[in-house]
Structures are given as C-alpha cells and as structure tokens.
Amino acid sequence: MRLGFAGTPEFAAVALRALLAAGHQVELVLTQPDRAAGRGLAVRPSAVKELAQAAGLRLLQPATLRDAVVQEEIRASRLEALIVAAYGLILPQAVLDLPRWGCINIHASLLPRWRGAAPIQRAILAGDRETGISIMQMDAGLDSGPVLLAAGQAIRDDDTAASLHDRLATQGAELVVKVLERLPLPGWPQPQSGVTHAAKIGKAETMLDWRLAAELLARQVRAFNPQPGASCVLNGKALKVWTARPVVGSGSPGLIIGAAHDGLLIACGEGALCVEEVQQAGGRRLAVAQFLNGTAVPVGSRCAVATG
C-alpha cells in the first residue's frame, strides 16, 4: 500500500520498521523538528528521522501541518493512508481528508480510556491492571475516532513505563499491519462513558509526596521510569528514585526508618517505600548499597515532604 507515516519517538519507529518489513511503500515520513535533549542539551534527531534517513525515505519536519506548502506535499504523494504514531502535532481536517483511507492512529490504550499524550504513564499511575493498543480512524477530536482494531495488554506488578512501552510498541506495530491488510475496515464508535484524559506529565507530579500511601508512590516511580524520573529531596539535595517497592513500615511521612544495602526504608502516609536504586544530580544511577557507601543517611533523618 502507498503510505505516509507520521511519528517521532521510538514507539513510532517500531511501527515504521514493521510497515517497511511488510512491504508497504512509504512515500513520505513526517516527524517533529530536531530538539535539544539529554544532559548536554545537544540537538538530536528523532528515532523516526534516523530510521527514515537510513531507509532512504523522503522526510519532512514541519513545525505545523497547517502550512499550505506542507499540505500540498502530502497531497502530491497520493497516499492511500497516513499512519500516525506518537507524532505530537495536531492533524487539521485538511490533512485528515487527504489520504484515500484517511489517517490511522496507533494509540497506546484501550480507548476511550486514556485519550491524550501520556496513556502509558497514566495507566500505571492509576493502578490499571490492563491497557492495550487501539488502532483508530482519526477525526478532528482528541483520540475520539472510531476504533478499527484493539487488543489488550496486561500491566505487570513490576512494569515501568519503559517495559510497558516496549511491549505496546511491538503490539501496535503488529496490529496496524493487520489493519492495512483488511482495509476498508468498518470501525466502531467509542462509547461516551469511560472517557479519561491522559494529560502530559507535569514537573510537579514527579516529586514524591511522602504523605501518600507507599503503593501510590511505588506506582509513581514505575510510571516515571525512564522519563522524567520520580524525585525527592534528601539531606537538602535532589535525588531521583528509579526503583522502589511498597513494604510494611510506619513513621511520620518522610522519616528514614531503615538504611541497609538492600534499600532505604522511608515512611509514608500508609506503609513504607523501600527505595532500591537512586541517582544524584549530575551522577549516575546507583543501587542503594553503592549510594550509601558515599553518602551518610542515618536512620531518623528524613526526606523533605512535598508541599502543595
């Protein structure tokens, strides 16, 4: 099939690889402009750009799809379908109407739950036991179009956003290839009940509030691994928490009630959080045993309690 593809991060690149492997003719790839990223804020190409260049595909990086010149480029490509995955730009109606079979989105949730930008993180934060992939016919709304195909994916107790992302990316790639084999495919409208919005993760959300239950904080740590990372303040210094689990324990919120090679035990509003892997500003990720070798954290000291 003669396709266009719009996507930016690795989640999208997995789908683009699958489309190419299935023998589809990808006429045009759209990805976001290069942006500064990483500790040194170096300008880096997206995962989709790197793949498109390696495959010799025609590539555009518009700042908006409302540009008439960009829309003409898409029109001239005579696409049968435009596949969209984690692109990050709004598709105006003029673009939605261009391909023969319209624009088809790979979305990482079982719609209508978790429409929006951060469905993987929000599912973990909410304690959902299942998520999945929805292949959706795009309309002008926010992830509100009819669903062409969907499949579930269990959320494991130890899933981070990274591990769940990888399974969903593979599942999404497989499902979109199946959908293209079956076009035209009738979709089903999303129900009006059960709609939730997966808003982008705000910086304030990454701070661990020790007044909350340990189970909630453990989900927060998993949901923000690898980006942007959950944080706290210990001994007046910012500390990212990469791995943690809820355990039995009690004390005033933020109190260090145990410090051993297998973890820092920090009292929460309910239970305690056993922190197993951390990272200081400018440092590397360390198991707590390594961290404690260079940093004194006496029992009875405390992490700052988040305000607000």
Protein backbone atom coordinates (compact mmCIF):
# COMPACT_ATOMS: atom_id res chain seq x y z
CA MET A 1 0.00 0.00 0.00
CA ARG A 2 1.16 3.55 -0.73
CA LEU A 3 1.58 5.08 2.73
CA GLY A 4 2.66 8.15 4.58
CA PHE A 5 3.93 7.90 8.15
CA ALA A 6 3.87 10.50 10.93
CA GLY A 7 5.66 9.81 14.19
CA THR A 8 8.55 10.91 16.37
CA PRO A 9 9.85 8.66 19.21
CA GLU A 10 10.93 5.01 19.32
CA PHE A 11 7.32 3.87 19.82
CA ALA A 12 6.62 5.18 16.31
CA ALA A 13 9.87 3.88 14.83
CA VAL A 14 8.90 0.32 15.80
CA ALA A 15 5.72 0.69 13.72
CA LEU A 16 7.58 2.20 10.76
CA ARG A 17 10.02 -0.73 10.74
CA ALA A 18 7.09 -3.16 10.69
CA LEU A 19 5.41 -1.35 7.79
CA LEU A 20 8.61 -1.45 5.76
CA ALA A 21 9.17 -5.13 6.61
CA ALA A 22 5.61 -5.89 5.46
CA GLY A 23 6.46 -4.48 2.03
CA HIS A 24 4.46 -1.26 2.15
CA GLN A 25 5.60 1.65 0.01
CA VAL A 26 6.26 4.52 2.41
CA GLU A 27 6.21 7.61 0.22
CA LEU A 28 6.60 10.26 2.90
CA VAL A 29 7.66 10.41 6.54
CA LEU A 30 6.69 13.28 8.84
CA THR A 31 8.47 13.80 12.16
CA GLN A 32 8.92 16.70 14.56
CA PRO A 33 11.83 19.14 14.15
CA ASP A 34 15.08 18.18 15.88
CA ARG A 35 15.17 19.27 19.50
CA ALA A 36 17.74 19.57 22.27
CA ALA A 37 17.74 16.55 24.57
CA GLY A 38 19.87 14.80 27.17
CA ARG A 39 22.17 16.14 29.85
CA GLY A 40 24.17 18.28 27.41
CA LEU A 41 21.06 19.53 25.59
CA ALA A 42 22.56 18.56 22.25
CA VAL A 43 20.21 18.76 19.27
CA ARG A 44 19.26 15.22 18.31
CA PRO A 45 17.17 13.71 15.52
CA SER A 46 14.09 11.72 16.46
CA ALA A 47 14.11 7.93 16.30
CA VAL A 48 11.79 8.13 13.29
CA LYS A 49 14.09 10.56 11.48
CA GLU A 50 17.09 8.28 11.99
CA LEU A 51 15.16 5.30 10.63
CA ALA A 52 13.75 7.25 7.67
CA GLN A 53 17.18 8.51 6.69
CA ALA A 54 18.72 5.05 7.00
CA ALA A 55 15.97 3.66 4.77
CA GLY A 56 16.29 6.45 2.21
CA LEU A 57 12.72 7.69 2.73
CA ARG A 58 11.50 11.19 1.87
CA LEU A 59 11.37 13.15 5.11
CA LEU A 60 9.64 16.35 6.23
CA GLN A 61 9.96 18.04 9.63
CA PRO A 62 7.35 20.80 9.63
CA ALA A 63 6.63 22.83 12.74
CA THR A 64 2.92 22.69 11.83
CA LEU A 65 0.69 20.81 9.42
CA ARG A 66 -1.44 23.89 8.82
CA ASP A 67 1.14 25.13 6.32
CA ALA A 68 -0.30 25.05 2.79
CA VAL A 69 3.06 24.04 1.28
CA VAL A 70 3.28 21.02 3.61
CA GLN A 71 -0.31 20.04 2.82
CA GLU A 72 0.49 20.17 -0.89
CA GLU A 73 3.48 17.86 -0.33
CA ILE A 74 1.15 15.34 1.33
CA ARG A 75 -1.46 15.72 -1.42
CA ALA A 76 1.15 15.21 -4.14
CA SER A 77 2.24 11.94 -2.50
CA ARG A 78 -1.16 10.39 -3.40
CA LEU A 79 -1.31 8.40 -0.19
CA GLU A 80 -3.73 5.58 0.37
CA ALA A 81 -3.35 6.01 4.13
CA LEU A 82 -1.33 8.10 6.59
CA ILE A 83 -0.24 6.08 9.63
CA VAL A 84 0.22 8.18 12.77
CA ALA A 85 2.01 7.09 15.96
CA ALA A 86 3.08 9.41 18.78
CA TYR A 87 3.63 12.24 16.30
CA GLY A 88 3.00 15.16 18.64
CA LEU A 89 1.45 17.60 16.15
CA ILE A 90 -2.25 18.23 15.51
CA LEU A 91 -3.55 17.00 12.15
CA PRO A 92 -6.00 19.58 10.77
CA GLN A 93 -9.08 18.41 8.87
CA ALA A 94 -7.44 19.35 5.58
CA VAL A 95 -4.74 16.73 6.23
CA LEU A 96 -7.15 14.14 7.64
CA ASP A 97 -9.07 14.26 4.36
CA LEU A 98 -6.10 13.81 2.01
CA PRO A 99 -5.36 10.04 2.01
CA ARG A 100 -7.78 7.65 0.31
CA TRP A 101 -8.42 5.70 3.54
CA GLY A 102 -7.79 8.65 5.83
CA CYS A 103 -5.37 8.85 8.75
CA ILE A 104 -4.96 5.84 11.02
CA ASN A 105 -3.56 6.24 14.53
CA ILE A 106 -1.75 3.72 16.75
CA HIS A 107 -2.77 4.64 20.30
CA ALA A 108 -1.34 3.03 23.44
CA SER A 109 -4.53 2.44 25.42
CA LEU A 110 -7.89 0.74 25.15
CA LEU A 111 -9.96 3.71 24.05
CA PRO A 112 -11.87 5.62 25.31
CA ARG A 113 -9.69 5.18 28.42
CA TRP A 114 -6.61 7.40 28.41
CA ARG A 115 -7.07 9.63 25.43
CA GLY A 116 -4.17 12.06 25.14
CA ALA A 117 -0.41 12.41 25.37
CA ALA A 118 0.68 10.08 28.21
CA PRO A 119 -1.51 6.94 28.19
CA ILE A 120 1.22 4.55 29.33
CA GLN A 121 2.24 6.59 32.36
CA ARG A 122 -1.35 7.36 33.34
CA ALA A 123 -2.37 3.70 33.21
CA ILE A 124 0.43 2.75 35.61
CA LEU A 125 -0.26 5.71 37.91
CA ALA A 126 -3.93 4.78 38.13
CA GLY A 127 -3.14 1.18 39.06
CA ASP A 128 -4.86 -0.21 35.95
CA ARG A 129 -4.45 -3.96 35.54
CA GLU A 130 -4.82 -3.83 31.77
CA THR A 131 -4.12 -1.46 28.93
CA GLY A 132 -3.57 -2.20 25.24
CA ILE A 133 -3.49 -0.85 21.72
CA SER A 134 -6.27 0.80 19.76
CA ILE A 135 -5.91 1.31 16.01
CA MET A 136 -8.16 4.28 15.37
CA GLN A 137 -9.55 6.12 12.36
CA MET A 138 -8.60 9.69 13.16
CA ASP A 139 -11.11 12.53 13.28
CA ALA A 140 -10.79 16.15 14.38
CA GLY A 141 -11.19 15.26 18.08
CA LEU A 142 -8.58 14.14 20.61
CA ASP A 143 -8.28 10.37 20.09
CA SER A 144 -12.05 10.23 19.63
CA GLY A 145 -12.39 8.50 16.25
CA PRO A 146 -13.84 5.05 15.58
CA VAL A 147 -11.68 2.07 16.57
CA LEU A 148 -10.71 -0.31 13.75
CA LEU A 149 -8.92 -2.94 15.86
CA ALA A 150 -7.91 -3.26 19.51
CA ALA A 151 -6.10 -5.75 21.72
CA GLY A 152 -5.36 -5.82 25.45
CA GLN A 153 -2.06 -5.99 27.31
CA ALA A 154 -1.73 -6.90 30.99
CA ILE A 155 0.12 -4.45 33.22
CA ARG A 156 2.51 -6.40 35.42
CA ASP A 157 3.23 -5.52 39.03
CA ASP A 158 6.83 -4.62 38.17
CA ASP A 159 6.16 -2.82 34.89
CA THR A 160 7.83 0.53 34.37
CA ALA A 161 6.77 2.92 31.64
CA ALA A 162 9.80 1.63 29.70
CA SER A 163 8.93 -2.08 29.87
CA LEU A 164 5.25 -1.49 29.13
CA HIS A 165 6.15 0.89 26.29
CA ASP A 166 8.27 -1.76 24.60
CA ARG A 167 5.53 -4.40 24.65
CA LEU A 168 2.89 -1.92 23.46
CA ALA A 169 5.13 -0.65 20.67
CA THR A 170 5.54 -4.19 19.35
CA GLN A 171 1.83 -4.89 19.71
CA GLY A 172 0.89 -1.65 17.96
CA ALA A 173 3.17 -2.42 15.02
CA GLU A 174 1.62 -5.87 14.61
CA LEU A 175 -1.95 -4.57 14.79
CA VAL A 176 -1.50 -1.74 12.30
CA VAL A 177 -0.07 -4.17 9.74
CA LYS A 178 -3.16 -6.36 10.25
CA VAL A 179 -5.47 -3.39 9.78
CA LEU A 180 -3.83 -2.43 6.49
CA GLU A 181 -4.31 -5.99 5.22
CA ARG A 182 -8.07 -5.67 5.87
CA LEU A 183 -8.87 -2.18 4.57
CA PRO A 184 -11.53 -0.96 4.10
CA LEU A 185 -12.38 -2.00 7.65
CA PRO A 186 -15.52 -0.82 9.45
CA GLY A 187 -14.75 0.76 12.80
CA TRP A 188 -16.89 1.01 15.90
CA PRO A 189 -17.63 4.32 17.62
CA GLN A 190 -16.12 4.82 21.04
CA PRO A 191 -18.60 4.76 23.92
CA GLN A 192 -19.33 8.07 25.62
CA SER A 193 -18.86 6.52 29.06
CA GLY A 194 -15.45 5.66 30.43
CA VAL A 195 -13.55 8.52 28.78
CA THR A 196 -10.41 9.56 30.66
CA HIS A 197 -7.72 12.05 29.65
CA ALA A 198 -4.00 11.21 29.77
CA ALA A 199 -2.54 14.67 30.24
CA LYS A 200 1.16 15.30 29.78
CA ILE A 201 3.23 14.66 32.89
CA GLY A 202 3.88 17.89 34.78
CA LYS A 203 7.10 18.53 36.68
CA ALA A 204 5.24 18.92 39.97
CA GLU A 205 3.91 15.36 39.62
CA THR A 206 7.40 13.91 39.67
CA MET A 207 8.04 14.92 43.29
CA LEU A 208 7.29 12.13 45.75
CA ASP A 209 4.84 13.24 48.43
CA TRP A 210 5.60 11.06 51.44
CA ARG A 211 2.16 11.79 52.89
CA LEU A 212 0.68 9.46 50.27
CA ALA A 213 0.44 5.68 50.54
CA ALA A 214 3.56 3.71 49.65
CA GLU A 215 1.63 1.80 46.97
CA LEU A 216 0.83 5.06 45.17
CA LEU A 217 4.42 6.27 45.39
CA ALA A 218 5.74 2.97 44.03
CA ARG A 219 3.43 3.36 41.03
CA GLN A 220 4.70 6.90 40.57
CA VAL A 221 8.30 5.64 40.48
CA ARG A 222 7.42 2.99 37.89
CA ALA A 223 5.33 5.35 35.76
CA PHE A 224 8.11 7.95 35.51
CA ASN A 225 10.87 5.47 34.68
CA PRO A 226 12.68 6.31 32.39
CA GLN A 227 11.23 9.80 31.81
CA PRO A 228 11.12 12.17 33.60
CA GLY A 229 12.03 10.21 36.76
CA ALA A 230 10.45 10.47 40.22
CA SER A 231 12.31 12.74 42.64
CA CYS A 232 12.64 13.65 46.30
CA VAL A 233 14.89 15.84 48.45
CA LEU A 234 17.27 14.08 50.85
CA ASN A 235 19.75 16.00 53.01
CA GLY A 236 18.80 19.13 51.09
CA LYS A 237 19.76 17.63 47.72
CA ALA A 238 17.59 16.44 44.87
CA LEU A 239 17.55 12.67 44.41
CA LYS A 240 15.89 10.71 41.62
CA VAL A 241 14.30 7.42 42.61
CA TRP A 242 14.41 4.78 39.88
CA THR A 243 13.37 1.59 41.64
CA ALA A 244 11.20 1.20 44.74
CA ARG A 245 8.59 -1.11 46.24
CA PRO A 246 5.96 -0.75 48.95
CA VAL A 247 6.64 -2.58 52.21
CA VAL A 248 5.27 -2.78 55.73
CA GLY A 249 6.50 0.05 57.94
CA SER A 250 5.38 3.11 59.86
CA GLY A 251 6.57 6.51 60.94
CA SER A 252 5.98 10.16 60.17
CA PRO A 253 5.98 10.77 56.41
CA GLY A 254 9.49 11.14 55.00
CA LEU A 255 11.25 9.62 58.02
CA ILE A 256 14.17 7.26 57.24
CA ILE A 257 13.29 4.16 59.25
CA GLY A 258 15.91 1.87 57.74
CA ALA A 259 19.14 2.17 55.73
CA ALA A 260 20.75 -1.05 54.57
CA HIS A 261 22.41 -2.50 51.46
CA ASP A 262 19.07 -3.71 50.09
CA GLY A 263 17.28 -0.38 50.35
CA LEU A 264 16.38 2.85 52.07
CA LEU A 265 13.16 2.45 54.05
CA ILE A 266 11.14 5.66 54.05
CA ALA A 267 7.90 6.06 55.98
CA CYS A 268 4.83 7.12 54.02
CA GLY A 269 1.30 8.18 54.84
CA GLU A 270 0.46 4.49 54.67
CA GLY A 271 3.18 1.85 54.82
CA ALA A 272 6.77 2.50 53.75
CA LEU A 273 8.69 2.70 50.50
CA CYS A 274 11.82 0.60 50.06
CA VAL A 275 13.99 2.62 47.68
CA GLU A 276 16.44 0.38 45.83
CA GLU A 277 18.03 2.50 43.08
CA VAL A 278 18.74 6.25 43.07
CA GLN A 279 20.61 8.97 41.19
CA GLN A 280 22.05 12.23 42.48
CA ALA A 281 22.11 15.34 40.29
CA GLY A 282 24.95 15.03 37.80
CA GLY A 283 25.66 11.45 38.85
CA ARG A 284 24.80 8.01 37.55
CA ARG A 285 22.16 5.56 38.64
CA LEU A 286 23.28 3.60 41.69
CA ALA A 287 21.99 0.70 43.73
CA VAL A 288 21.31 1.94 47.26
CA ALA A 289 24.25 -0.12 48.57
CA GLN A 290 26.62 1.89 46.35
CA PHE A 291 24.87 5.15 47.19
CA LEU A 292 25.25 4.56 50.93
CA ASN A 293 28.97 3.90 50.53
CA GLY A 294 29.47 7.56 49.67
CA THR A 295 26.53 9.24 51.38
CA ALA A 296 25.60 9.14 55.05
CA VAL A 297 21.88 8.62 55.55
CA PRO A 298 21.33 7.95 59.26
CA VAL A 299 18.13 6.35 60.50
CA GLY A 300 15.97 9.13 61.91
CA SER A 301 16.91 11.63 59.21
CA ARG A 302 14.20 12.49 56.74
CA CYS A 303 13.28 13.31 53.18
CA ALA A 304 11.54 16.61 52.69
CA VAL A 305 7.78 16.38 52.42
CA ALA A 306 6.50 17.84 49.16
CA THR A 307 4.35 20.93 49.56
CA GLY A 308 1.16 21.79 47.70
